[in-house]
Amino acid sequence: MIVLDALHDLPYDEAMRLLASHVGEEVRIITTDLSSLWRTAYPAPTIEACHAVNHAMRKQAFVYNYGTLEATLLAAGFSEVTRMPSDDGTLIVEARGTGGGEPSHLAEPRAMYLRDMNVR
């Protein structure tokens, strides 16, 4: 199993390429959980809210909530995504398989975020 523990340090477009390069392998992602960061002030963030907050970070990194990471992994081509237990504010997800596809609810917020970040 490949462990990716610094996905949050990569801009979103670089993370998408990295994830796509591992489709077909078993991957474990360990990253900061955006939902945990917001837990005291907000309900669980939506995909749109996740992209909006990361927009404010301006190319420094991208912090995921589970819904956004799951959708991104499926869009990269993984077919199975499983959230692993964690109680310390860490998001741990395992992905495997091939043949996944982009969920319709990811397309618009991702396109707007990438457009605003001037990513082509």
Protein backbone atom coordinates (compact mmCIF):
# COMPACT_ATOMS: atom_id res chain seq x y z
CA MET A 1 0.00 0.00 0.00
CA ILE A 2 1.26 3.46 -0.90
CA VAL A 3 0.89 6.06 1.88
CA LEU A 4 0.42 9.70 0.89
CA ASP A 5 0.67 11.83 4.01
CA ALA A 6 1.34 15.28 2.59
CA LEU A 7 -1.50 15.72 0.09
CA HIS A 8 -2.58 18.88 1.94
CA ASP A 9 0.82 20.43 1.08
CA LEU A 10 0.14 20.18 -2.66
CA PRO A 11 -1.94 22.57 -4.74
CA TYR A 12 -5.13 20.86 -5.87
CA ASP A 13 -4.07 20.40 -9.51
CA GLU A 14 -0.80 18.73 -8.47
CA ALA A 15 -2.67 16.48 -6.02
CA MET A 16 -5.07 15.44 -8.81
CA ARG A 17 -2.13 14.42 -11.01
CA LEU A 18 -0.44 12.56 -8.15
CA LEU A 19 -3.63 10.65 -7.31
CA ALA A 20 -4.25 9.78 -10.97
CA SER A 21 -0.72 8.38 -11.22
CA HIS A 22 -1.56 5.80 -8.52
CA VAL A 23 -4.91 4.57 -9.86
CA GLY A 24 -4.92 0.78 -9.80
CA GLU A 25 -2.77 0.67 -6.67
CA GLU A 26 -3.90 0.61 -3.05
CA VAL A 27 -3.41 4.08 -1.58
CA ARG A 28 -3.83 5.39 1.96
CA ILE A 29 -4.15 9.16 2.34
CA ILE A 30 -3.51 10.78 5.70
CA THR A 31 -4.27 14.51 5.78
CA THR A 32 -5.75 17.28 7.87
CA ASP A 33 -9.55 17.08 7.96
CA LEU A 34 -11.17 20.38 7.01
CA SER A 35 -14.33 19.31 8.84
CA SER A 36 -12.32 18.92 12.02
CA LEU A 37 -10.87 22.41 11.60
CA TRP A 38 -14.37 23.86 11.23
CA ARG A 39 -16.19 21.64 13.72
CA THR A 40 -16.66 24.28 16.41
CA ALA A 41 -17.90 27.06 14.13
CA TYR A 42 -19.58 25.43 11.14
CA PRO A 43 -21.60 22.38 10.20
CA ALA A 44 -19.76 19.87 8.01
CA PRO A 45 -18.55 21.90 5.02
CA THR A 46 -19.95 21.24 1.59
CA ILE A 47 -17.78 20.66 -1.47
CA GLU A 48 -18.48 24.27 -2.47
CA ALA A 49 -17.38 25.58 0.96
CA CYS A 50 -14.26 23.42 0.87
CA HIS A 51 -13.25 24.90 -2.48
CA ALA A 52 -14.07 28.45 -1.30
CA VAL A 53 -11.81 28.16 1.77
CA ASN A 54 -9.01 26.70 -0.30
CA HIS A 55 -9.45 29.54 -2.78
CA ALA A 56 -8.58 31.89 0.07
CA MET A 57 -5.34 29.95 0.65
CA ARG A 58 -4.17 30.99 -2.84
CA LYS A 59 -2.11 28.12 -4.18
CA GLN A 60 -0.40 27.32 -0.88
CA ALA A 61 -2.14 24.00 -0.26
CA PHE A 62 -5.52 22.34 -0.35
CA VAL A 63 -7.25 21.07 2.77
CA TYR A 64 -9.88 18.37 2.21
CA ASN A 65 -13.06 17.29 3.88
CA TYR A 66 -14.12 13.69 3.31
CA GLY A 67 -16.68 14.51 0.60
CA THR A 68 -14.18 16.49 -1.45
CA LEU A 69 -11.40 13.92 -1.09
CA GLU A 70 -13.76 11.05 -1.96
CA ALA A 71 -15.03 12.89 -5.05
CA THR A 72 -11.48 13.79 -6.10
CA LEU A 73 -10.32 10.16 -5.77
CA LEU A 74 -13.29 8.93 -7.82
CA ALA A 75 -12.56 11.59 -10.45
CA ALA A 76 -8.92 10.47 -10.54
CA GLY A 77 -10.14 6.98 -11.46
CA PHE A 78 -10.30 5.01 -8.21
CA SER A 79 -13.44 2.89 -7.88
CA GLU A 80 -13.49 2.26 -4.11
CA VAL A 81 -12.97 4.88 -1.40
CA THR A 82 -13.18 4.03 2.30
CA ARG A 83 -12.89 6.37 5.27
CA MET A 84 -10.84 4.88 8.09
CA PRO A 85 -11.48 5.66 11.78
CA SER A 86 -9.60 8.57 13.34
CA ASP A 87 -10.26 10.62 16.44
CA ASP A 88 -7.46 13.19 16.27
CA GLY A 89 -8.62 15.55 13.50
CA THR A 90 -6.86 13.53 10.82
CA LEU A 91 -8.65 12.36 7.71
CA ILE A 92 -7.57 8.84 6.74
CA VAL A 93 -8.90 7.42 3.50
CA GLU A 94 -8.03 4.31 1.52
CA ALA A 95 -8.64 4.08 -2.22
CA ARG A 96 -8.28 1.21 -4.66
CA GLY A 97 -9.56 -0.14 -7.94
CA THR A 98 -10.02 1.43 -11.35
CA GLY A 99 -12.91 2.73 -13.38
CA GLY A 100 -14.14 5.49 -11.09
CA GLY A 101 -15.54 8.65 -12.60
CA GLU A 102 -16.07 12.26 -11.71
CA PRO A 103 -19.17 12.74 -9.52
CA SER A 104 -21.46 15.40 -10.98
CA HIS A 105 -21.40 17.41 -7.73
CA LEU A 106 -17.59 17.90 -8.03
CA ALA A 107 -17.41 19.30 -11.55
CA GLU A 108 -18.66 22.86 -11.01
CA PRO A 109 -16.86 23.76 -7.74
CA ARG A 110 -13.63 22.16 -8.98
CA ALA A 111 -13.80 23.98 -12.33
CA MET A 112 -14.44 27.33 -10.60
CA TYR A 113 -11.58 26.76 -8.15
CA LEU A 114 -9.12 25.75 -10.88
CA ARG A 115 -10.24 28.69 -13.04
CA ASP A 116 -9.73 31.13 -10.17
CA MET A 117 -6.31 29.64 -9.42
CA ASN A 118 -5.39 30.06 -13.11
CA VAL A 119 -4.75 26.34 -13.48
CA ARG A 120 -5.07 24.95 -16.98
